[in-house]
Protein backbone atom coordinates (compact mmCIF):
# COMPACT_ATOMS: atom_id res chain seq x y z
CA MET A 1 -51.68 26.31 -20.72
CA THR A 2 -51.43 29.29 -23.08
CA ALA A 3 -48.02 30.32 -24.34
CA THR A 4 -47.18 33.98 -24.78
CA VAL A 5 -45.32 34.77 -27.97
CA SER A 6 -43.31 37.95 -28.31
CA ALA A 7 -41.63 39.45 -31.35
CA GLY A 8 -38.44 37.89 -30.01
CA VAL A 9 -39.28 34.38 -31.15
CA ILE A 10 -40.56 34.97 -34.67
CA PRO A 11 -38.33 33.06 -37.11
CA VAL A 12 -37.82 35.44 -40.02
CA ALA A 13 -35.22 33.57 -42.06
CA GLY A 14 -35.07 30.03 -43.41
CA TRP A 15 -32.64 27.49 -41.96
CA ASP A 16 -29.88 27.94 -44.58
CA ARG A 17 -29.98 31.72 -44.32
CA TRP A 18 -30.18 31.56 -40.50
CA LEU A 19 -27.12 29.32 -40.34
CA GLU A 20 -25.17 31.63 -42.66
CA VAL A 21 -26.06 34.67 -40.53
CA MET A 22 -25.18 32.91 -37.25
CA GLU A 23 -21.82 31.72 -38.56
CA ARG A 24 -21.01 35.22 -39.82
CA ALA A 25 -21.96 36.65 -36.40
CA GLY A 26 -20.12 33.99 -34.40
CA TYR A 27 -23.50 32.93 -32.93
CA ARG A 28 -23.58 36.20 -30.97
CA CYS A 29 -26.22 38.94 -31.08
CA GLN A 30 -25.11 41.79 -33.33
CA CYS A 31 -27.31 44.46 -31.76
CA GLU A 32 -25.31 47.58 -30.99
CA ARG A 33 -28.17 49.83 -29.91
CA PRO A 34 -27.64 51.69 -26.63
CA HIS A 35 -28.75 49.54 -23.72
CA PRO A 36 -27.48 49.13 -20.14
CA LYS A 37 -26.77 45.42 -20.71
CA HIS A 38 -24.54 46.13 -23.71
CA ARG A 39 -21.00 46.50 -22.47
CA GLY A 40 -18.56 47.63 -25.10
CA GLY A 41 -21.32 48.50 -27.57
CA ARG A 42 -22.41 45.04 -28.72
CA CYS A 43 -24.84 42.69 -26.99
CA GLU A 44 -23.12 39.79 -25.27
CA ASN A 45 -25.90 37.22 -25.71
CA GLU A 46 -24.95 34.10 -27.63
CA HIS A 47 -26.98 31.27 -29.12
CA HIS A 48 -27.41 28.39 -26.65
CA ASP A 49 -30.23 26.37 -25.09
CA GLY A 50 -31.58 29.35 -23.16
CA CYS A 51 -31.22 31.91 -25.95
CA ARG A 52 -32.47 31.09 -29.45
CA MET A 53 -31.11 33.65 -31.89
CA VAL A 54 -33.13 35.20 -34.70
CA ALA A 55 -31.83 36.25 -38.12
CA GLY A 56 -33.52 39.46 -39.18
CA PRO A 57 -33.04 42.88 -40.74
CA LYS A 58 -30.72 45.35 -38.99
CA ASP A 59 -33.75 47.63 -38.66
CA PRO A 60 -36.81 45.37 -38.32
CA GLY A 61 -39.26 48.27 -38.09
CA PRO A 62 -42.73 48.00 -36.57
CA ASP A 63 -43.76 45.15 -38.91
CA PRO A 64 -40.83 42.72 -39.23
CA ALA A 65 -42.62 40.51 -41.79
CA ARG A 66 -43.08 43.50 -44.12
CA THR A 67 -39.50 44.66 -43.58
CA MET A 68 -38.21 41.14 -44.24
CA ALA A 69 -40.00 41.05 -47.61
CA THR A 70 -37.89 43.96 -48.89
CA CYS A 71 -34.66 43.28 -46.99
CA ASP A 72 -31.53 42.17 -48.84
CA PRO A 73 -30.88 38.66 -47.43
CA ASP A 74 -27.16 39.40 -47.26
CA GLU A 75 -27.83 42.25 -44.84
CA LEU A 76 -29.52 40.13 -42.15
CA ILE A 77 -27.93 40.16 -38.70
CA ALA A 78 -28.13 37.92 -35.63
CA TRP A 79 -30.49 39.05 -32.86
CA CYS A 80 -31.09 37.67 -29.39
CA PRO A 81 -34.80 37.59 -28.52
CA ASP A 82 -34.48 40.44 -26.00
CA CYS A 83 -32.81 42.84 -28.43
CA TRP A 84 -35.14 41.84 -31.30
CA ASP A 85 -38.21 42.39 -29.16
CA ARG A 86 -36.87 45.70 -27.80
CA SER A 87 -36.13 46.96 -31.33
CA VAL A 88 -39.55 45.99 -32.70
CA ARG A 89 -41.35 47.51 -29.71
CA ALA A 90 -39.36 50.77 -30.09
CA ALA A 91 -40.28 50.95 -33.79
CA ARG A 92 -43.95 50.34 -32.98
CA LYS A 93 -43.86 53.06 -30.32
CA ALA A 94 -42.25 55.49 -32.78
CA LEU A 95 -45.02 54.71 -35.29
CA ARG A 96 -47.72 55.29 -32.64
CA ASP A 97 -46.04 58.57 -31.69
CA ALA A 98 -45.96 59.64 -35.36
CA ASP A 99 -49.65 58.70 -35.69
CA HIS A 100 -50.40 60.97 -32.75
CA VAL A 101 -48.44 63.86 -34.29
CA TYR A 102 -49.75 63.49 -37.85
CA GLY A 103 -53.26 62.28 -36.99
CA VAL A 104 -53.52 59.45 -39.54
CA PRO A 105 -52.85 55.89 -38.30
CA GLY A 106 -49.87 54.38 -40.10
CA GLN A 107 -49.21 57.56 -42.09
CA GLY A 108 -46.41 59.30 -40.24
CA SER A 109 -44.87 62.21 -42.10
CA LEU A 110 -45.59 62.43 -45.80
CA PHE A 111 -42.01 63.52 -46.46
CA GLY A 112 -40.27 61.31 -43.90
CA ASP A 113 -39.01 64.19 -41.75
CA ASP A 114 -39.39 64.36 -37.99
CA ASP A 115 -40.47 67.96 -37.51
CA GLY A 116 -43.72 67.84 -39.45
CA GLU A 117 -42.72 70.91 -41.48
CA GLY A 118 -42.29 69.08 -44.79
CA ALA A 119 -39.45 69.58 -47.26
């Protein structure tokens, strides 16, 4: 049997850091991005047997391992697998969209703007 692994289950912080993040978050996902399942702004998922939380950057970007390498460990937040996966997929889609607009894979805008007009 082959297991399918999504971005939602990648452990990005060591045990000590994970525990610190979870305690700070009350073992509840800290995602506040707009989503129909988020009532009151913050995700309601909590760490339990059916939901293994991830400690990761507030903005994981399209390549969470690369983002994690430059992230301040004190700025990690708790993520449920669904929110983590949704955030990573959205960042990857935005990168693909930028590649389409600017024509160079992985390049995006040279100046970081969205309109392609430069500075």
